[in-house]
Amino acid sequence: MTDTQGKIVFANPAFEKVYGHSPAEVIGQTPRILKSGLVPLEGYKQFWATLLGKDVVAGEIVNKTKDGRLITIEGSNNPILDEAGKLVGFLAMHRDITERKRTEAVVAKRATELQTVAKVSRAASRDESRPVLTGILVRLEGAPEEPGPSAIGKPARSAPRRRLR
């Protein structure tokens, strides 16, 4: 939680767990201590203009922990208004989604690999494309950049089979 000047006035134990900074270390500081350097200045200007306009800012951002690690945060940054509608501070709720983003990237990579395997498999099922598949498999098994006559025409089944994970 920050005041209207952006100085941290409260941090709960979850803040320390995510960022590595104890509440005592951050009280009086600004959230700049979390800047990753990856968000352009214009992004921060828009962020503060939205908050000062009494609107919520929500989404993902890359922040930096105390030990310098970059983490992806899913969060909501909210204006705090008094009964008269006057802005009195800001409340941020952040969740570390770094591991989820890594998993999503691995899944996307595997999906792309499987699509490639499916395309090659479909191509291999047509008679006219078998020489192409044989050339691909030979190249994958460490054949020279320009295969000589001994590499061309090797049957595809000579390549060792590997299980996809």
Protein backbone atom coordinates (compact mmCIF):
# COMPACT_ATOMS: atom_id res chain seq x y z
CA MET A 1 0.00 0.00 0.00
CA THR A 2 1.31 3.47 -0.87
CA ASP A 3 0.33 7.02 -0.10
CA THR A 4 -0.66 9.45 -2.86
CA GLN A 5 3.03 10.29 -3.42
CA GLY A 6 3.81 6.64 -4.13
CA LYS A 7 5.71 5.95 -0.89
CA ILE A 8 5.12 2.52 0.57
CA VAL A 9 3.24 2.76 3.87
CA PHE A 10 2.42 -0.93 4.36
CA ALA A 11 3.70 -4.27 3.05
CA ASN A 12 2.41 -7.64 4.21
CA PRO A 13 4.41 -10.88 4.65
CA ALA A 14 3.41 -12.02 1.14
CA PHE A 15 5.31 -9.02 -0.25
CA GLU A 16 8.47 -10.32 1.40
CA LYS A 17 7.83 -13.83 0.13
CA VAL A 18 7.43 -12.63 -3.48
CA TYR A 19 10.04 -9.87 -3.60
CA GLY A 20 12.48 -10.73 -0.80
CA HIS A 21 12.23 -7.28 0.80
CA SER A 22 11.01 -7.20 4.41
CA PRO A 23 8.25 -4.72 5.23
CA ALA A 24 10.73 -2.76 7.39
CA GLU A 25 13.07 -2.37 4.39
CA VAL A 26 10.44 -0.95 2.06
CA ILE A 27 8.37 1.38 4.25
CA GLY A 28 9.08 4.89 3.00
CA GLN A 29 10.53 3.63 -0.30
CA THR A 30 8.72 3.82 -3.64
CA PRO A 31 7.85 0.83 -5.82
CA ARG A 32 10.78 1.87 -8.04
CA ILE A 33 12.82 -0.65 -6.04
CA LEU A 34 10.91 -3.32 -7.99
CA LYS A 35 11.59 -1.92 -11.48
CA SER A 36 13.01 -4.49 -13.87
CA GLY A 37 14.18 -2.00 -16.47
CA LEU A 38 12.04 -3.78 -19.07
CA VAL A 39 9.04 -1.45 -18.95
CA PRO A 40 9.46 1.72 -21.00
CA LEU A 41 9.07 5.09 -19.26
CA GLU A 42 5.86 5.70 -21.21
CA GLY A 43 4.36 2.59 -19.62
CA TYR A 44 4.99 3.99 -16.14
CA LYS A 45 3.59 7.39 -17.13
CA GLN A 46 0.39 5.73 -18.34
CA PHE A 47 0.26 3.57 -15.19
CA TRP A 48 0.40 6.60 -12.86
CA ALA A 49 -1.96 8.69 -15.01
CA THR A 50 -4.54 5.89 -14.78
CA LEU A 51 -4.15 5.50 -11.02
CA LEU A 52 -4.24 9.24 -10.39
CA GLY A 53 -7.38 9.31 -12.53
CA LYS A 54 -8.90 6.99 -9.90
CA ASP A 55 -8.98 3.97 -12.22
CA VAL A 56 -7.64 0.46 -11.67
CA VAL A 57 -4.52 -0.76 -13.45
CA ALA A 58 -4.48 -4.54 -13.91
CA GLY A 59 -2.38 -6.94 -15.92
CA GLU A 60 1.07 -8.48 -16.09
CA ILE A 61 4.43 -6.83 -15.54
CA VAL A 62 8.00 -8.01 -15.07
CA ASN A 63 9.45 -6.84 -11.74
CA LYS A 64 12.75 -7.43 -9.98
CA THR A 65 13.26 -9.13 -6.63
CA LYS A 66 15.73 -8.06 -3.95
CA ASP A 67 18.28 -10.59 -5.22
CA GLY A 68 17.94 -9.33 -8.81
CA ARG A 69 15.79 -12.10 -10.26
CA LEU A 70 13.17 -11.03 -12.80
CA ILE A 71 9.67 -12.30 -12.05
CA THR A 72 6.40 -11.98 -13.90
CA ILE A 73 3.65 -10.50 -11.79
CA GLU A 74 -0.08 -10.63 -12.37
CA GLY A 75 -1.58 -7.80 -10.43
CA SER A 76 -4.11 -5.18 -9.73
CA ASN A 77 -3.22 -1.67 -8.59
CA ASN A 78 -6.16 0.20 -7.14
CA PRO A 79 -6.86 3.75 -6.01
CA ILE A 80 -8.08 4.10 -2.41
CA LEU A 81 -10.77 6.77 -2.01
CA ASP A 82 -12.25 8.24 1.13
CA GLU A 83 -16.00 8.77 1.67
CA ALA A 84 -15.85 12.05 -0.24
CA GLY A 85 -14.18 10.40 -3.24
CA LYS A 86 -10.79 11.96 -2.52
CA LEU A 87 -7.75 9.90 -3.42
CA VAL A 88 -5.90 8.85 -0.25
CA GLY A 89 -3.55 6.12 -1.47
CA PHE A 90 -3.11 3.01 -3.59
CA LEU A 91 -3.42 -0.70 -2.92
CA ALA A 92 -1.52 -3.25 -4.99
CA MET A 93 -2.27 -6.96 -5.07
CA HIS A 94 0.44 -8.94 -6.85
CA ARG A 95 0.89 -12.62 -7.58
CA ASP A 96 4.08 -14.21 -8.90
CA ILE A 97 3.18 -16.12 -12.07
CA THR A 98 6.73 -16.71 -13.27
CA GLU A 99 6.49 -20.50 -13.04
CA ARG A 100 3.13 -20.51 -14.84
CA LYS A 101 4.61 -18.42 -17.67
CA ARG A 102 7.57 -20.82 -17.97
CA THR A 103 5.19 -23.80 -18.13
CA GLU A 104 3.07 -22.06 -20.76
CA ALA A 105 6.20 -21.43 -22.86
CA VAL A 106 7.22 -25.11 -22.63
CA VAL A 107 3.71 -26.24 -23.59
CA ALA A 108 3.68 -23.85 -26.56
CA LYS A 109 7.09 -25.12 -27.71
CA ARG A 110 5.97 -28.74 -27.44
CA ALA A 111 2.77 -27.96 -29.36
CA THR A 112 4.84 -26.44 -32.16
CA GLU A 113 7.12 -29.47 -32.20
CA LEU A 114 4.14 -31.82 -32.36
CA GLN A 115 2.64 -29.82 -35.23
CA THR A 116 5.92 -30.19 -37.11
CA VAL A 117 5.99 -33.94 -36.45
CA ALA A 118 2.38 -34.20 -37.66
CA LYS A 119 3.20 -32.30 -40.87
CA VAL A 120 6.23 -34.50 -41.55
CA SER A 121 4.18 -37.60 -40.80
CA ARG A 122 1.44 -36.53 -43.21
CA ALA A 123 4.06 -35.78 -45.85
CA ALA A 124 5.68 -39.19 -45.28
CA SER A 125 2.41 -40.95 -45.90
CA ARG A 126 2.40 -39.71 -49.51
CA ASP A 127 4.68 -41.65 -51.90
CA GLU A 128 6.18 -38.58 -53.55
CA SER A 129 7.43 -37.12 -50.27
CA ARG A 130 9.33 -40.15 -48.87
CA PRO A 131 12.71 -39.02 -50.24
CA VAL A 132 12.22 -35.66 -48.49
CA LEU A 133 11.53 -37.36 -45.15
CA THR A 134 14.55 -39.64 -45.58
CA GLY A 135 16.76 -36.61 -46.19
CA ILE A 136 15.39 -34.89 -43.09
CA LEU A 137 16.02 -37.90 -40.87
CA VAL A 138 19.54 -38.40 -42.19
CA ARG A 139 20.36 -34.71 -41.57
CA LEU A 140 18.99 -34.95 -38.03
CA GLU A 141 21.32 -37.85 -37.31
CA GLY A 142 24.44 -35.77 -37.98
CA ALA A 143 24.87 -36.19 -41.73
CA PRO A 144 27.20 -33.66 -43.35
CA GLU A 145 25.67 -30.31 -44.38
CA GLU A 146 25.71 -31.48 -48.00
CA PRO A 147 25.00 -35.21 -47.83
CA GLY A 148 27.07 -37.36 -50.15
CA PRO A 149 25.77 -40.35 -52.11
CA SER A 150 26.16 -42.64 -49.09
CA ALA A 151 23.68 -40.59 -47.01
CA ILE A 152 21.04 -40.27 -49.69
CA GLY A 153 18.59 -43.11 -49.85
CA LYS A 154 19.21 -44.52 -46.37
CA PRO A 155 15.94 -45.85 -45.08
CA ALA A 156 14.22 -43.69 -42.47
CA ARG A 157 13.95 -46.59 -40.03
CA SER A 158 17.75 -46.59 -39.62
CA ALA A 159 17.44 -43.50 -37.41
CA PRO A 160 17.11 -44.32 -33.70
CA ARG A 161 13.68 -43.63 -32.29
CA ARG A 162 13.31 -41.08 -29.52
CA ARG A 163 10.33 -40.70 -27.28
CA LEU A 164 8.74 -37.26 -27.02
CA ARG A 165 8.28 -35.93 -23.52
